[in-house]
């Protein structure tokens, strides 16, 4: 499979956040910005942001607590 294939916007956002976790910019225990804040910062729709957060949960990098927010629980290796 080629790495030249286009990626979905939610995967790109998840990769950006995973890189911030890997670099230490978002350390373990840090809260991610709220969904609405991320839509404004990244210029994406709320559904795309939610899907990116779900992808990060699937990767074991974050956990979401209802009405509390999403927090970093794991570390990521830098994407290659």
C-alpha atoms as a PDB file:
ATOM      1  CA  UNK A   1       0.000   0.000   0.000  1.00  0.00           C
ATOM      2  CA  UNK A   2       1.306   3.427  -0.912  1.00  0.00           C
ATOM      3  CA  UNK A   3       1.720   6.272   1.568  1.00  0.00           C
ATOM      4  CA  UNK A   4       0.742   8.655  -1.234  1.00  0.00           C
ATOM      5  CA  UNK A   5      -2.950   7.899  -0.768  1.00  0.00           C
ATOM      6  CA  UNK A   6      -5.067  10.777   0.520  1.00  0.00           C
ATOM      7  CA  UNK A   7      -6.083  10.553   4.172  1.00  0.00           C
ATOM      8  CA  UNK A   8      -9.376  11.508   5.747  1.00  0.00           C
ATOM      9  CA  UNK A   9      -9.442  14.844   7.588  1.00  0.00           C
ATOM     10  CA  UNK A  10     -10.210  13.114  10.900  1.00  0.00           C
ATOM     11  CA  UNK A  11      -7.134  10.884  10.521  1.00  0.00           C
ATOM     12  CA  UNK A  12      -4.969  13.916   9.756  1.00  0.00           C
ATOM     13  CA  UNK A  13      -6.260  15.691  12.880  1.00  0.00           C
ATOM     14  CA  UNK A  14      -5.760  12.567  14.992  1.00  0.00           C
ATOM     15  CA  UNK A  15      -2.183  12.336  13.681  1.00  0.00           C
ATOM     16  CA  UNK A  16      -1.536  16.000  14.549  1.00  0.00           C
ATOM     17  CA  UNK A  17      -2.782  15.490  18.106  1.00  0.00           C
ATOM     18  CA  UNK A  18      -0.869  12.194  18.417  1.00  0.00           C
ATOM     19  CA  UNK A  19       2.302  14.055  17.377  1.00  0.00           C
ATOM     20  CA  UNK A  20       1.639  16.688  20.065  1.00  0.00           C
ATOM     21  CA  UNK A  21       1.303  13.876  22.612  1.00  0.00           C
ATOM     22  CA  UNK A  22       4.511  12.227  21.377  1.00  0.00           C
ATOM     23  CA  UNK A  23       6.431  15.519  21.548  1.00  0.00           C
ATOM     24  CA  UNK A  24       5.291  16.202  25.104  1.00  0.00           C
ATOM     25  CA  UNK A  25       3.305  19.277  24.116  1.00  0.00           C
ATOM     26  CA  UNK A  26       0.281  17.377  25.445  1.00  0.00           C
ATOM     27  CA  UNK A  27       1.656  15.342  28.378  1.00  0.00           C
ATOM     28  CA  UNK A  28      -0.110  12.482  30.120  1.00  0.00           C
ATOM     29  CA  UNK A  29      -3.010  13.898  32.147  1.00  0.00           C
ATOM     30  CA  UNK A  30      -3.394  17.002  29.969  1.00  0.00           C
ATOM     31  CA  UNK A  31      -6.858  17.956  28.777  1.00  0.00           C
ATOM     32  CA  UNK A  32      -7.467  18.292  25.061  1.00  0.00           C
ATOM     33  CA  UNK A  33      -9.172  21.491  23.938  1.00  0.00           C
ATOM     34  CA  UNK A  34     -12.956  21.244  23.712  1.00  0.00           C
ATOM     35  CA  UNK A  35     -14.547  20.044  20.493  1.00  0.00           C
ATOM     36  CA  UNK A  36     -15.845  23.489  19.545  1.00  0.00           C
ATOM     37  CA  UNK A  37     -12.436  25.051  20.163  1.00  0.00           C
ATOM     38  CA  UNK A  38     -10.811  22.422  17.927  1.00  0.00           C
ATOM     39  CA  UNK A  39     -13.325  23.113  15.146  1.00  0.00           C
ATOM     40  CA  UNK A  40     -12.268  26.767  15.158  1.00  0.00           C
ATOM     41  CA  UNK A  41      -8.524  26.142  15.462  1.00  0.00           C
ATOM     42  CA  UNK A  42      -8.389  23.471  12.758  1.00  0.00           C
ATOM     43  CA  UNK A  43     -11.196  24.748  10.516  1.00  0.00           C
ATOM     44  CA  UNK A  44     -13.052  21.435  10.605  1.00  0.00           C
ATOM     45  CA  UNK A  45     -16.619  20.416  11.326  1.00  0.00           C
ATOM     46  CA  UNK A  46     -17.727  19.089  14.702  1.00  0.00           C
ATOM     47  CA  UNK A  47     -18.313  15.606  13.257  1.00  0.00           C
ATOM     48  CA  UNK A  48     -14.747  15.467  11.955  1.00  0.00           C
ATOM     49  CA  UNK A  49     -13.354  16.547  15.325  1.00  0.00           C
ATOM     50  CA  UNK A  50     -15.468  13.952  17.137  1.00  0.00           C
ATOM     51  CA  UNK A  51     -14.274  11.252  14.776  1.00  0.00           C
ATOM     52  CA  UNK A  52     -10.639  12.303  15.350  1.00  0.00           C
ATOM     53  CA  UNK A  53     -11.121  12.047  19.127  1.00  0.00           C
ATOM     54  CA  UNK A  54     -12.720   8.616  18.645  1.00  0.00           C
ATOM     55  CA  UNK A  55      -9.666   7.595  16.603  1.00  0.00           C
ATOM     56  CA  UNK A  56      -7.367   8.741  19.416  1.00  0.00           C
ATOM     57  CA  UNK A  57      -9.430   6.715  21.899  1.00  0.00           C
ATOM     58  CA  UNK A  58      -9.097   3.696  19.607  1.00  0.00           C
ATOM     59  CA  UNK A  59      -5.314   4.206  19.578  1.00  0.00           C
ATOM     60  CA  UNK A  60      -5.324   4.236  23.396  1.00  0.00           C
ATOM     61  CA  UNK A  61      -4.010   7.789  23.622  1.00  0.00           C
ATOM     62  CA  UNK A  62      -6.971   9.571  25.223  1.00  0.00           C
ATOM     63  CA  UNK A  63     -10.017   8.894  27.392  1.00  0.00           C
ATOM     64  CA  UNK A  64     -13.194  10.944  27.426  1.00  0.00           C
ATOM     65  CA  UNK A  65     -15.113  11.567  30.630  1.00  0.00           C
ATOM     66  CA  UNK A  66     -18.698  12.690  29.930  1.00  0.00           C
ATOM     67  CA  UNK A  67     -19.223  16.345  30.875  1.00  0.00           C
ATOM     68  CA  UNK A  68     -15.567  16.575  31.984  1.00  0.00           C
ATOM     69  CA  UNK A  69     -13.507  16.470  28.797  1.00  0.00           C
ATOM     70  CA  UNK A  70     -10.927  14.369  27.008  1.00  0.00           C
ATOM     71  CA  UNK A  71      -7.582  13.641  28.629  1.00  0.00           C
ATOM     72  CA  UNK A  72      -4.281  12.173  27.494  1.00  0.00           C
ATOM     73  CA  UNK A  73      -3.794   8.717  29.018  1.00  0.00           C
ATOM     74  CA  UNK A  74      -1.058   7.247  26.816  1.00  0.00           C
ATOM     75  CA  UNK A  75       1.951   8.219  24.820  1.00  0.00           C
ATOM     76  CA  UNK A  76       2.457   7.964  21.100  1.00  0.00           C
ATOM     77  CA  UNK A  77       5.558   7.365  19.099  1.00  0.00           C
ATOM     78  CA  UNK A  78       6.285  10.017  16.521  1.00  0.00           C
ATOM     79  CA  UNK A  79       4.609   9.209  13.204  1.00  0.00           C
ATOM     80  CA  UNK A  80       7.064   8.363  10.446  1.00  0.00           C
END
